[in-house]
Amino acid sequence: MFALCHLLGFRFAPRIPNLSHRKLHAFGPSSRWPTLEPFFGNRIDEPLITRHRDDMLRAGTSVRMGLVPASLLLRRLGSYPRQNALALALREVGRIERTLFTLDWLDDPSLRRIPTA
C-alpha cells in the first residue's frame, strides 16, 4: 500500500499499531547508524527495484488512468502462491516509504498525537 500510494503521488499515513515492533530499512549497512542499529531489519534490495522500475511505473499509470482499479491490482499481486518479482519490488519501495513515515512520525510531535492503536 505504501508503494502504490507513492507511485500515485500520495503520502500514505496510516495508524500503525505496535510501532515499536516495526523495523526500519536502509540502503546501506545498519552499522552506519549505531544508535538506531537495533531497529533495522534487512537492507533494501536496490537492484530488484531498478530491474522492475518500468513495471512499477506501468502499474501506477494504469491505476492513475483508471484502466485497472487499485484493489484489483493489489489483489492480483497478493494472490500468487509465490510472490512475483513486481510484488517483491513494490514491497521494497513500500519498506522505504514506511521507514520514511516512521522516521517522520518519530520526529514530528503533531504526528505522534494521532492515535496509533
PDB file of N, CA and C in Angstrom:
ATOM      1  N   MET A   1       0.818  -1.182   0.000  1.00  0.00           N
ATOM      2  CA  MET A   1       0.000   0.000   0.000  1.00  0.00           C
ATOM      3  C   MET A   1       0.873   1.262   0.000  1.00  0.00           C
ATOM      4  N   PHE A   2       1.949   1.236   0.800  1.00  0.00           N
ATOM      5  CA  PHE A   2       2.858   2.379   0.826  1.00  0.00           C
ATOM      6  C   PHE A   2       3.423   2.643  -0.567  1.00  0.00           C
ATOM      7  N   ALA A   3       3.832   1.585  -1.259  1.00  0.00           N
ATOM      8  CA  ALA A   3       4.454   1.741  -2.572  1.00  0.00           C
ATOM      9  C   ALA A   3       3.457   2.261  -3.595  1.00  0.00           C
ATOM     10  N   LEU A   4       2.262   1.711  -3.620  1.00  0.00           N
ATOM     11  CA  LEU A   4       1.269   2.140  -4.598  1.00  0.00           C
ATOM     12  C   LEU A   4       0.880   3.593  -4.356  1.00  0.00           C
ATOM     13  N   CYS A   5       0.707   3.983  -3.119  1.00  0.00           N
ATOM     14  CA  CYS A   5       0.398   5.385  -2.819  1.00  0.00           C
ATOM     15  C   CYS A   5       1.528   6.298  -3.281  1.00  0.00           C
ATOM     16  N   HIS A   6       2.763   5.858  -3.083  1.00  0.00           N
ATOM     17  CA  HIS A   6       3.906   6.651  -3.529  1.00  0.00           C
ATOM     18  C   HIS A   6       3.888   6.797  -5.053  1.00  0.00           C
ATOM     19  N   LEU A   7       3.608   5.725  -5.764  1.00  0.00           N
ATOM     20  CA  LEU A   7       3.557   5.772  -7.223  1.00  0.00           C
ATOM     21  C   LEU A   7       2.445   6.691  -7.724  1.00  0.00           C
ATOM     22  N   LEU A   8       1.373   6.801  -6.946  1.00  0.00           N
ATOM     23  CA  LEU A   8       0.246   7.644  -7.338  1.00  0.00           C
ATOM     24  C   LEU A   8       0.400   9.088  -6.858  1.00  0.00           C
ATOM     25  N   GLY A   9       1.478   9.361  -6.120  1.00  0.00           N
ATOM     26  CA  GLY A   9       1.737  10.714  -5.677  1.00  0.00           C
ATOM     27  C   GLY A   9       1.082  11.089  -4.361  1.00  0.00           C
ATOM     28  N   PHE A  10       0.657  10.100  -3.588  1.00  0.00           N
ATOM     29  CA  PHE A  10       0.031  10.345  -2.296  1.00  0.00           C
ATOM     30  C   PHE A  10       1.000   9.985  -1.180  1.00  0.00           C
ATOM     31  N   ARG A  11       0.791  10.577  -0.024  1.00  0.00           N
ATOM     32  CA  ARG A  11       1.553  10.201   1.167  1.00  0.00           C
ATOM     33  C   ARG A  11       0.629   9.368   2.041  1.00  0.00           C
ATOM     34  N   PHE A  12       0.883   8.097   2.118  1.00  0.00           N
ATOM     35  CA  PHE A  12       0.086   7.182   2.937  1.00  0.00           C
ATOM     36  C   PHE A  12       0.503   7.376   4.387  1.00  0.00           C
ATOM     37  N   ALA A  13      -0.447   7.737   5.234  1.00  0.00           N
ATOM     38  CA  ALA A  13      -0.154   7.998   6.645  1.00  0.00           C
ATOM     39  C   ALA A  13      -1.119   7.186   7.502  1.00  0.00           C
ATOM     40  N   PRO A  14      -0.870   5.911   7.643  1.00  0.00           N
ATOM     41  CA  PRO A  14      -1.795   5.054   8.381  1.00  0.00           C
ATOM     42  C   PRO A  14      -1.581   5.122   9.883  1.00  0.00           C
ATOM     43  N   ARG A  15      -2.531   4.572  10.587  1.00  0.00           N
ATOM     44  CA  ARG A  15      -2.329   4.312  12.008  1.00  0.00           C
ATOM     45  C   ARG A  15      -1.591   2.983  12.075  1.00  0.00           C
ATOM     46  N   ILE A  16      -0.416   2.987  12.648  1.00  0.00           N
ATOM     47  CA  ILE A  16       0.399   1.774  12.685  1.00  0.00           C
ATOM     48  C   ILE A  16       0.400   1.224  14.110  1.00  0.00           C
ATOM     49  N   PRO A  17      -0.299   0.114  14.330  1.00  0.00           N
ATOM     50  CA  PRO A  17      -0.260  -0.482  15.667  1.00  0.00           C
ATOM     51  C   PRO A  17       1.109  -1.100  15.927  1.00  0.00           C
ATOM     52  N   ASN A  18       1.499  -1.095  17.176  1.00  0.00           N
ATOM     53  CA  ASN A  18       2.776  -1.702  17.579  1.00  0.00           C
ATOM     54  C   ASN A  18       3.956  -1.138  16.803  1.00  0.00           C
ATOM     55  N   LEU A  19       4.014   0.172  16.741  1.00  0.00           N
ATOM     56  CA  LEU A  19       5.098   0.817  16.013  1.00  0.00           C
ATOM     57  C   LEU A  19       6.462   0.379  16.538  1.00  0.00           C
ATOM     58  N   SER A  20       6.527   0.053  17.809  1.00  0.00           N
ATOM     59  CA  SER A  20       7.802  -0.361  18.382  1.00  0.00           C
ATOM     60  C   SER A  20       8.287  -1.700  17.828  1.00  0.00           C
ATOM     61  N   HIS A  21       7.391  -2.470  17.229  1.00  0.00           N
ATOM     62  CA  HIS A  21       7.779  -3.762  16.656  1.00  0.00           C
ATOM     63  C   HIS A  21       8.166  -3.662  15.179  1.00  0.00           C
ATOM     64  N   ARG A  22       8.004  -2.501  14.582  1.00  0.00           N
ATOM     65  CA  ARG A  22       8.340  -2.309  13.177  1.00  0.00           C
ATOM     66  C   ARG A  22       9.835  -2.109  13.004  1.00  0.00           C
ATOM     67  N   LYS A  23      10.348  -2.596  11.917  1.00  0.00           N
ATOM     68  CA  LYS A  23      11.771  -2.447  11.619  1.00  0.00           C
ATOM     69  C   LYS A  23      11.967  -1.333  10.601  1.00  0.00           C
ATOM     70  N   LEU A  24      13.097  -0.667  10.704  1.00  0.00           N
ATOM     71  CA  LEU A  24      13.499   0.319   9.714  1.00  0.00           C
ATOM     72  C   LEU A  24      14.329  -0.394   8.655  1.00  0.00           C
ATOM     73  N   HIS A  25      14.369   0.176   7.471  1.00  0.00           N
ATOM     74  CA  HIS A  25      15.152  -0.418   6.383  1.00  0.00           C
ATOM     75  C   HIS A  25      16.011   0.676   5.759  1.00  0.00           C
ATOM     76  N   ALA A  26      17.227   0.330   5.376  1.00  0.00           N
ATOM     77  CA  ALA A  26      18.163   1.310   4.826  1.00  0.00           C
ATOM     78  C   ALA A  26      18.853   0.738   3.589  1.00  0.00           C
ATOM     79  N   PHE A  27      19.435   1.621   2.817  1.00  0.00           N
ATOM     80  CA  PHE A  27      20.180   1.203   1.631  1.00  0.00           C
ATOM     81  C   PHE A  27      21.566   0.706   1.992  1.00  0.00           C
ATOM     82  N   GLY A  28      22.131   1.248   3.032  1.00  0.00           N
ATOM     83  CA  GLY A  28      23.471   0.852   3.435  1.00  0.00           C
ATOM     84  C   GLY A  28      23.427  -0.041   4.655  1.00  0.00           C
ATOM     85  N   PRO A  29      24.583  -0.409   5.157  1.00  0.00           N
ATOM     86  CA  PRO A  29      24.625  -1.247   6.357  1.00  0.00           C
ATOM     87  C   PRO A  29      24.125  -0.467   7.577  1.00  0.00           C
ATOM     88  N   SER A  30      23.423  -1.163   8.434  1.00  0.00           N
ATOM     89  CA  SER A  30      22.857  -0.516   9.622  1.00  0.00           C
ATOM     90  C   SER A  30      23.941  -0.041  10.589  1.00  0.00           C
ATOM     91  N   SER A  31      25.146  -0.538  10.438  1.00  0.00           N
ATOM     92  CA  SER A  31      26.244  -0.126  11.321  1.00  0.00           C
ATOM     93  C   SER A  31      26.613   1.345  11.124  1.00  0.00           C
ATOM     94  N   ARG A  32      26.143   1.968  10.039  1.00  0.00           N
ATOM     95  CA  ARG A  32      26.393   3.388   9.816  1.00  0.00           C
ATOM     96  C   ARG A  32      25.657   4.253  10.827  1.00  0.00           C
ATOM     97  N   TRP A  33      24.611   3.702  11.447  1.00  0.00           N
ATOM     98  CA  TRP A  33      23.809   4.409  12.438  1.00  0.00           C
ATOM     99  C   TRP A  33      23.800   3.580  13.721  1.00  0.00           C
ATOM    100  N   PRO A  34      24.870   3.621  14.492  1.00  0.00           N
ATOM    101  CA  PRO A  34      24.993   2.734  15.651  1.00  0.00           C
ATOM    102  C   PRO A  34      23.867   2.889  16.672  1.00  0.00           C
ATOM    103  N   THR A  35      23.351   4.092  16.846  1.00  0.00           N
ATOM    104  CA  THR A  35      22.285   4.305  17.818  1.00  0.00           C
ATOM    105  C   THR A  35      21.002   3.608  17.383  1.00  0.00           C
ATOM    106  N   LEU A  36      20.734   3.607  16.071  1.00  0.00           N
ATOM    107  CA  LEU A  36      19.498   3.019  15.544  1.00  0.00           C
ATOM    108  C   LEU A  36      19.664   1.570  15.095  1.00  0.00           C
ATOM    109  N   GLU A  37      20.867   1.052  15.164  1.00  0.00           N
ATOM    110  CA  GLU A  37      21.144  -0.294  14.636  1.00  0.00           C
ATOM    111  C   GLU A  37      20.191  -1.379  15.134  1.00  0.00           C
ATOM    112  N   PRO A  38      19.776  -1.380  16.404  1.00  0.00           N
ATOM    113  CA  PRO A  38      18.855  -2.438  16.849  1.00  0.00           C
ATOM    114  C   PRO A  38      17.475  -2.384  16.180  1.00  0.00           C
ATOM    115  N   PHE A  39      17.143  -1.232  15.576  1.00  0.00           N
ATOM    116  CA  PHE A  39      15.817  -1.064  14.980  1.00  0.00           C
ATOM    117  C   PHE A  39      15.778  -1.417  13.497  1.00  0.00           C
ATOM    118  N   PHE A  40      16.937  -1.737  12.922  1.00  0.00           N
ATOM    119  CA  PHE A  40      16.990  -2.011  11.490  1.00  0.00           C
ATOM    120  C   PHE A  40      16.704  -3.470  11.179  1.00  0.00           C
ATOM    121  N   GLY A  41      16.010  -3.672  10.063  1.00  0.00           N
ATOM    122  CA  GLY A  41      15.766  -5.004   9.530  1.00  0.00           C
ATOM    123  C   GLY A  41      16.708  -5.232   8.358  1.00  0.00           C
ATOM    124  N   ASN A  42      16.202  -5.863   7.331  1.00  0.00           N
ATOM    125  CA  ASN A  42      17.012  -6.160   6.145  1.00  0.00           C
ATOM    126  C   ASN A  42      17.327  -4.899   5.354  1.00  0.00           C
ATOM    127  N   ARG A  43      18.380  -4.979   4.561  1.00  0.00           N
ATOM    128  CA  ARG A  43      18.723  -3.882   3.657  1.00  0.00           C
ATOM    129  C   ARG A  43      17.746  -3.862   2.486  1.00  0.00           C
ATOM    130  N   ILE A  44      17.602  -2.694   1.885  1.00  0.00           N
ATOM    131  CA  ILE A  44      16.757  -2.532   0.708  1.00  0.00           C
ATOM    132  C   ILE A  44      17.463  -3.164  -0.489  1.00  0.00           C
ATOM    133  N   ASP A  45      16.716  -3.935  -1.277  1.00  0.00           N
ATOM    134  CA  ASP A  45      17.256  -4.598  -2.460  1.00  0.00           C
ATOM    135  C   ASP A  45      17.165  -3.632  -3.654  1.00  0.00           C
ATOM    136  N   GLU A  46      18.172  -2.774  -3.786  1.00  0.00           N
ATOM    137  CA  GLU A  46      18.183  -1.770  -4.857  1.00  0.00           C
ATOM    138  C   GLU A  46      18.130  -2.375  -6.261  1.00  0.00           C
ATOM    139  N   PRO A  47      18.902  -3.432  -6.547  1.00  0.00           N
ATOM    140  CA  PRO A  47      18.846  -3.995  -7.902  1.00  0.00           C
ATOM    141  C   PRO A  47      17.442  -4.499  -8.278  1.00  0.00           C
ATOM    142  N   LEU A  48      16.703  -5.037  -7.320  1.00  0.00           N
ATOM    143  CA  LEU A  48      15.346  -5.503  -7.595  1.00  0.00           C
ATOM    144  C   LEU A  48      14.451  -4.337  -7.990  1.00  0.00           C
ATOM    145  N   ILE A  49      14.567  -3.225  -7.269  1.00  0.00           N
ATOM    146  CA  ILE A  49      13.763  -2.043  -7.595  1.00  0.00           C
ATOM    147  C   ILE A  49      14.140  -1.516  -8.974  1.00  0.00           C
ATOM    148  N   THR A  50      15.431  -1.467  -9.260  1.00  0.00           N
ATOM    149  CA  THR A  50      15.907  -0.963 -10.542  1.00  0.00           C
ATOM    150  C   THR A  50      15.414  -1.832 -11.701  1.00  0.00           C
ATOM    151  N   ARG A  51      15.475  -3.151 -11.533  1.00  0.00           N
ATOM    152  CA  ARG A  51      15.039  -4.060 -12.600  1.00  0.00           C
ATOM    153  C   ARG A  51      13.556  -3.911 -12.917  1.00  0.00           C
ATOM    154  N   HIS A  52      12.746  -3.606 -11.907  1.00  0.00           N
ATOM    155  CA  HIS A  52      11.297  -3.583 -12.112  1.00  0.00           C
ATOM    156  C   HIS A  52      10.703  -2.181 -12.058  1.00  0.00           C
ATOM    157  N   ARG A  53      11.575  -1.190 -12.222  1.00  0.00           N
ATOM    158  CA  ARG A  53      11.119   0.195 -12.195  1.00  0.00           C
ATOM    159  C   ARG A  53      10.050   0.455 -13.241  1.00  0.00           C
ATOM    160  N   ASP A  54      10.292   0.033 -14.469  1.00  0.00           N
ATOM    161  CA  ASP A  54       9.323   0.270 -15.547  1.00  0.00           C
ATOM    162  C   ASP A  54       7.991  -0.425 -15.266  1.00  0.00           C
ATOM    163  N   ASP A  55       8.044  -1.643 -14.745  1.00  0.00           N
ATOM    164  CA  ASP A  55       6.813  -2.365 -14.423  1.00  0.00           C
ATOM    165  C   ASP A  55       6.026  -1.654 -13.325  1.00  0.00           C
ATOM    166  N   MET A  56       6.744  -1.128 -12.324  1.00  0.00           N
ATOM    167  CA  MET A  56       6.063  -0.411 -11.244  1.00  0.00           C
ATOM    168  C   MET A  56       5.426   0.869 -11.773  1.00  0.00           C
ATOM    169  N   LEU A  57       6.142   1.588 -12.638  1.00  0.00           N
ATOM    170  CA  LEU A  57       5.584   2.804 -13.221  1.00  0.00           C
ATOM    171  C   LEU A  57       4.379   2.489 -14.103  1.00  0.00           C
ATOM    172  N   ARG A  58       4.452   1.398 -14.832  1.00  0.00           N
ATOM    173  CA  ARG A  58       3.335   0.979 -15.680  1.00  0.00           C
ATOM    174  C   ARG A  58       2.111   0.650 -14.828  1.00  0.00           C
ATOM    175  N   ALA A  59       2.320  -0.054 -13.730  1.00  0.00           N
ATOM    176  CA  ALA A  59       1.203  -0.398 -12.837  1.00  0.00           C
ATOM    177  C   ALA A  59       0.606   0.859 -12.226  1.00  0.00           C
ATOM    178  N   GLY A  60       1.443   1.791 -11.772  1.00  0.00           N
ATOM    179  CA  GLY A  60       0.948   3.044 -11.204  1.00  0.00           C
ATOM    180  C   GLY A  60       0.185   3.875 -12.213  1.00  0.00           C
ATOM    181  N   THR A  61       0.684   3.912 -13.445  1.00  0.00           N
ATOM    182  CA  THR A  61       0.000   4.650 -14.509  1.00  0.00           C
ATOM    183  C   THR A  61      -1.334   4.019 -14.841  1.00  0.00           C
ATOM    184  N   SER A  62      -1.396   2.704 -14.867  1.00  0.00           N
ATOM    185  CA  SER A  62      -2.652   2.005 -15.157  1.00  0.00           C
ATOM    186  C   SER A  62      -3.718   2.327 -14.110  1.00  0.00           C
ATOM    187  N   VAL A  63      -3.305   2.400 -12.857  1.00  0.00           N
ATOM    188  CA  VAL A  63      -4.253   2.737 -11.791  1.00  0.00           C
ATOM    189  C   VAL A  63      -4.652   4.202 -11.894  1.00  0.00           C
ATOM    190  N   ARG A  64      -3.682   5.076 -12.119  1.00  0.00           N
ATOM    191  CA  ARG A  64      -3.959   6.514 -12.204  1.00  0.00           C
ATOM    192  C   ARG A  64      -4.909   6.844 -13.352  1.00  0.00           C
ATOM    193  N   MET A  65      -4.751   6.157 -14.477  1.00  0.00           N
ATOM    194  CA  MET A  65      -5.601   6.429 -15.639  1.00  0.00           C
ATOM    195  C   MET A  65      -6.946   5.715 -15.557  1.00  0.00           C
ATOM    196  N   GLY A  66      -7.126   4.898 -14.534  1.00  0.00           N
ATOM    197  CA  GLY A  66      -8.403   4.219 -14.362  1.00  0.00           C
ATOM    198  C   GLY A  66      -8.550   2.949 -15.185  1.00  0.00           C
ATOM    199  N   LEU A  67      -7.461   2.461 -15.759  1.00  0.00           N
ATOM    200  CA  LEU A  67      -7.518   1.239 -16.549  1.00  0.00           C
ATOM    201  C   LEU A  67      -7.662   0.011 -15.666  1.00  0.00           C
ATOM    202  N   VAL A  68      -7.103   0.083 -14.465  1.00  0.00           N
ATOM    203  CA  VAL A  68      -7.154  -1.024 -13.513  1.00  0.00           C
ATOM    204  C   VAL A  68      -7.456  -0.438 -12.135  1.00  0.00           C
ATOM    205  N   PRO A  69      -8.456  -0.962 -11.440  1.00  0.00           N
ATOM    206  CA  PRO A  69      -8.681  -0.483 -10.067  1.00  0.00           C
ATOM    207  C   PRO A  69      -7.528  -0.911  -9.156  1.00  0.00           C
ATOM    208  N   ALA A  70      -7.160  -0.039  -8.227  1.00  0.00           N
ATOM    209  CA  ALA A  70      -6.061  -0.337  -7.305  1.00  0.00           C
ATOM    210  C   ALA A  70      -6.338  -1.612  -6.519  1.00  0.00           C
ATOM    211  N   SER A  71      -7.599  -1.812  -6.129  1.00  0.00           N
ATOM    212  CA  SER A  71      -7.933  -3.011  -5.357  1.00  0.00           C
ATOM    213  C   SER A  71      -7.664  -4.278  -6.154  1.00  0.00           C
ATOM    214  N   LEU A  72      -7.963  -4.249  -7.457  1.00  0.00           N
ATOM    215  CA  LEU A  72      -7.715  -5.421  -8.300  1.00  0.00           C
ATOM    216  C   LEU A  72      -6.219  -5.676  -8.444  1.00  0.00           C
ATOM    217  N   LEU A  73      -5.453  -4.611  -8.653  1.00  0.00           N
ATOM    218  CA  LEU A  73      -4.005  -4.765  -8.788  1.00  0.00           C
ATOM    219  C   LEU A  73      -3.404  -5.369  -7.526  1.00  0.00           C
ATOM    220  N   LEU A  74      -3.777  -4.833  -6.373  1.00  0.00           N
ATOM    221  CA  LEU A  74      -3.240  -5.353  -5.111  1.00  0.00           C
ATOM    222  C   LEU A  74      -3.699  -6.785  -4.852  1.00  0.00           C
ATOM    223  N   ARG A  75      -4.936  -7.084  -5.203  1.00  0.00           N
ATOM    224  CA  ARG A  75      -5.437  -8.450  -5.007  1.00  0.00           C
ATOM    225  C   ARG A  75      -4.684  -9.430  -5.900  1.00  0.00           C
ATOM    226  N   ARG A  76      -4.458  -9.054  -7.148  1.00  0.00           N
ATOM    227  CA  ARG A  76      -3.726  -9.936  -8.072  1.00  0.00           C
ATOM    228  C   ARG A  76      -2.286 -10.152  -7.622  1.00  0.00           C
ATOM    229  N   LEU A  77      -1.638  -9.085  -7.199  1.00  0.00           N
ATOM    230  CA  LEU A  77      -0.249  -9.217  -6.755  1.00  0.00           C
ATOM    231  C   LEU A  77      -0.146 -10.074  -5.502  1.00  0.00           C
ATOM    232  N   GLY A  78      -1.148 -10.012  -4.637  1.00  0.00           N
ATOM    233  CA  GLY A  78      -1.117 -10.788  -3.408  1.00  0.00           C
ATOM    234  C   GLY A  78      -1.627 -12.204  -3.542  1.00  0.00           C
ATOM    235  N   SER A  79      -2.211 -12.547  -4.700  1.00  0.00           N
ATOM    236  CA  SER A  79      -2.836 -13.861  -4.832  1.00  0.00           C
ATOM    237  C   SER A  79      -1.909 -14.946  -5.375  1.00  0.00           C
ATOM    238  N   TYR A  80      -0.730 -14.561  -5.838  1.00  0.00           N
ATOM    239  CA  TYR A  80       0.172 -15.572  -6.378  1.00  0.00           C
ATOM    240  C   TYR A  80       0.707 -16.457  -5.260  1.00  0.00           C
ATOM    241  N   PRO A  81       0.765 -17.765  -5.483  1.00  0.00           N
ATOM    242  CA  PRO A  81       1.310 -18.646  -4.450  1.00  0.00           C
ATOM    243  C   PRO A  81       2.738 -18.256  -4.064  1.00  0.00           C
ATOM    244  N   ARG A  82       3.516 -17.933  -5.055  1.00  0.00           N
ATOM    245  CA  ARG A  82       4.868 -17.421  -4.808  1.00  0.00           C
ATOM    246  C   ARG A  82       4.860 -15.992  -5.334  1.00  0.00           C
ATOM    247  N   GLN A  83       5.356 -15.081  -4.541  1.00  0.00           N
ATOM    248  CA  GLN A  83       5.295 -13.689  -4.965  1.00  0.00           C
ATOM    249  C   GLN A  83       6.108 -13.479  -6.229  1.00  0.00           C
ATOM    250  N   ASN A  84       5.520 -12.729  -7.154  1.00  0.00           N
ATOM    251  CA  ASN A  84       6.259 -12.446  -8.376  1.00  0.00           C
ATOM    252  C   ASN A  84       7.213 -11.283  -8.144  1.00  0.00           C
ATOM    253  N   ALA A  85       8.069 -11.026  -9.100  1.00  0.00           N
ATOM    254  CA  ALA A  85       9.121 -10.033  -8.944  1.00  0.00           C
ATOM    255  C   ALA A  85       8.557  -8.624  -8.778  1.00  0.00           C
ATOM    256  N   LEU A  86       7.457  -8.303  -9.459  1.00  0.00           N
ATOM    257  CA  LEU A  86       6.854  -6.987  -9.323  1.00  0.00           C
ATOM    258  C   LEU A  86       6.352  -6.774  -7.899  1.00  0.00           C
ATOM    259  N   ALA A  87       5.714  -7.775  -7.328  1.00  0.00           N
ATOM    260  CA  ALA A  87       5.234  -7.673  -5.951  1.00  0.00           C
ATOM    261  C   ALA A  87       6.401  -7.492  -4.979  1.00  0.00           C
ATOM    262  N   LEU A  88       7.494  -8.192  -5.226  1.00  0.00           N
ATOM    263  CA  LEU A  88       8.673  -8.051  -4.362  1.00  0.00           C
ATOM    264  C   LEU A  88       9.287  -6.659  -4.486  1.00  0.00           C
ATOM    265  N   ALA A  89       9.340  -6.132  -5.716  1.00  0.00           N
ATOM    266  CA  ALA A  89       9.882  -4.785  -5.923  1.00  0.00           C
ATOM    267  C   ALA A  89       8.990  -3.742  -5.244  1.00  0.00           C
ATOM    268  N   LEU A  90       7.678  -3.894  -5.360  1.00  0.00           N
ATOM    269  CA  LEU A  90       6.763  -2.974  -4.691  1.00  0.00           C
ATOM    270  C   LEU A  90       6.909  -3.063  -3.170  1.00  0.00           C
ATOM    271  N   ARG A  91       7.156  -4.260  -2.668  1.00  0.00           N
ATOM    272  CA  ARG A  91       7.366  -4.419  -1.233  1.00  0.00           C
ATOM    273  C   ARG A  91       8.607  -3.649  -0.779  1.00  0.00           C
ATOM    274  N   GLU A  92       9.665  -3.670  -1.583  1.00  0.00           N
ATOM    275  CA  GLU A  92      10.884  -2.936  -1.246  1.00  0.00           C
ATOM    276  C   GLU A  92      10.622  -1.429  -1.224  1.00  0.00           C
ATOM    277  N   VAL A  93       9.901  -0.922  -2.217  1.00  0.00           N
ATOM    278  CA  VAL A  93       9.564   0.505  -2.237  1.00  0.00           C
ATOM    279  C   VAL A  93       8.681   0.834  -1.032  1.00  0.00           C
ATOM    280  N   GLY A  94       7.762  -0.061  -0.705  1.00  0.00           N
ATOM    281  CA  GLY A  94       6.912   0.130   0.464  1.00  0.00           C
ATOM    282  C   GLY A  94       7.712   0.192   1.746  1.00  0.00           C
ATOM    283  N   ARG A  95       8.764  -0.608   1.837  1.00  0.00           N
ATOM    284  CA  ARG A  95       9.631  -0.574   3.023  1.00  0.00           C
ATOM    285  C   ARG A  95      10.329   0.776   3.155  1.00  0.00           C
ATOM    286  N   ILE A  96      10.761   1.320   2.022  1.00  0.00           N
ATOM    287  CA  ILE A  96      11.394   2.641   2.033  1.00  0.00           C
ATOM    288  C   ILE A  96      10.393   3.681   2.533  1.00  0.00           C
ATOM    289  N   GLU A  97       9.202   3.675   1.957  1.00  0.00           N
ATOM    290  CA  GLU A  97       8.178   4.653   2.329  1.00  0.00           C
ATOM    291  C   GLU A  97       7.754   4.494   3.792  1.00  0.00           C
ATOM    292  N   ARG A  98       7.616   3.265   4.256  1.00  0.00           N
ATOM    293  CA  ARG A  98       7.225   3.042   5.649  1.00  0.00           C
ATOM    294  C   ARG A  98       8.323   3.510   6.597  1.00  0.00           C
ATOM    295  N   THR A  99       9.588   3.303   6.227  1.00  0.00           N
ATOM    296  CA  THR A  99      10.697   3.784   7.040  1.00  0.00           C
ATOM    297  C   THR A  99      10.686   5.309   7.107  1.00  0.00           C
ATOM    298  N   LEU A 100      10.474   5.964   5.965  1.00  0.00           N
ATOM    299  CA  LEU A 100      10.415   7.428   5.957  1.00  0.00           C
ATOM    300  C   LEU A 100       9.258   7.934   6.807  1.00  0.00           C
ATOM    301  N   PHE A 101       8.101   7.273   6.702  1.00  0.00           N
ATOM    302  CA  PHE A 101       6.953   7.668   7.505  1.00  0.00           C
ATOM    303  C   PHE A 101       7.249   7.485   8.993  1.00  0.00           C
ATOM    304  N   THR A 102       7.858   6.376   9.350  1.00  0.00           N
ATOM    305  CA  THR A 102       8.180   6.101  10.749  1.00  0.00           C
ATOM    306  C   THR A 102       9.147   7.144  11.300  1.00  0.00           C
ATOM    307  N   LEU A 103      10.163   7.490  10.519  1.00  0.00           N
ATOM    308  CA  LEU A 103      11.122   8.497  10.968  1.00  0.00           C
ATOM    309  C   LEU A 103      10.453   9.863  11.101  1.00  0.00           C
ATOM    310  N   ASP A 104       9.566  10.207  10.166  1.00  0.00           N
ATOM    311  CA  ASP A 104       8.805  11.456  10.278  1.00  0.00           C
ATOM    312  C   ASP A 104       7.925  11.442  11.518  1.00  0.00           C
ATOM    313  N   TRP A 105       7.310  10.291  11.780  1.00  0.00           N
ATOM    314  CA  TRP A 105       6.437  10.156  12.944  1.00  0.00           C
ATOM    315  C   TRP A 105       7.222  10.383  14.229  1.00  0.00           C
ATOM    316  N   LEU A 106       8.421   9.825  14.289  1.00  0.00           N
ATOM    317  CA  LEU A 106       9.260   9.990  15.473  1.00  0.00           C
ATOM    318  C   LEU A 106       9.736  11.431  15.629  1.00  0.00           C
ATOM    319  N   ASP A 107       9.908  12.132  14.518  1.00  0.00           N
ATOM    320  CA  ASP A 107      10.448  13.486  14.530  1.00  0.00           C
ATOM    321  C   ASP A 107       9.377  14.559  14.740  1.00  0.00           C
ATOM    322  N   ASP A 108       8.126  14.284  14.377  1.00  0.00           N
ATOM    323  CA  ASP A 108       7.068  15.297  14.367  1.00  0.00           C
ATOM    324  C   ASP A 108       6.070  15.069  15.507  1.00  0.00           C
ATOM    325  N   PRO A 109       6.050  15.937  16.506  1.00  0.00           N
ATOM    326  CA  PRO A 109       5.118  15.748  17.631  1.00  0.00           C
ATOM    327  C   PRO A 109       3.646  15.743  17.212  1.00  0.00           C
ATOM    328  N   SER A 110       3.288  16.501  16.170  1.00  0.00           N
ATOM    329  CA  SER A 110       1.882  16.526  15.753  1.00  0.00           C
ATOM    330  C   SER A 110       1.448  15.181  15.176  1.00  0.00           C
ATOM    331  N   LEU A 111       2.350  14.471  14.505  1.00  0.00           N
ATOM    332  CA  LEU A 111       2.016  13.129  14.014  1.00  0.00           C
ATOM    333  C   LEU A 111       1.890  12.144  15.162  1.00  0.00           C
ATOM    334  N   ARG A 112       2.701  12.328  16.183  1.00  0.00           N
ATOM    335  CA  ARG A 112       2.646  11.406  17.331  1.00  0.00           C
ATOM    336  C   ARG A 112       1.368  11.558  18.122  1.00  0.00           C
ATOM    337  N   ARG A 113       0.702  12.695  18.007  1.00  0.00           N
ATOM    338  CA  ARG A 113      -0.552  12.885  18.719  1.00  0.00           C
ATOM    339  C   ARG A 113      -1.703  12.076  18.105  1.00  0.00           C
ATOM    340  N   ILE A 114      -1.526  11.653  16.862  1.00  0.00           N
ATOM    341  CA  ILE A 114      -2.528  10.832  16.201  1.00  0.00           C
ATOM    342  C   ILE A 114      -2.445   9.431  16.810  1.00  0.00           C
ATOM    343  N   PRO A 115      -3.566   8.832  17.215  1.00  0.00           N
ATOM    344  CA  PRO A 115      -3.505   7.506  17.831  1.00  0.00           C
ATOM    345  C   PRO A 115      -2.924   6.467  16.879  1.00  0.00           C
ATOM    346  N   THR A 116      -2.150   5.555  17.429  1.00  0.00           N
ATOM    347  CA  THR A 116      -1.534   4.514  16.616  1.00  0.00           C
ATOM    348  C   THR A 116      -2.101   3.137  16.918  1.00  0.00           C
ATOM    349  N   ALA A 117      -3.081   3.027  17.780  1.00  0.00           N
ATOM    350  CA  ALA A 117      -3.639   1.722  18.118  1.00  0.00           C
ATOM    351  C   ALA A 117      -4.948   1.487  17.411  1.00  0.00           C
TER     352      ALA A 117
END
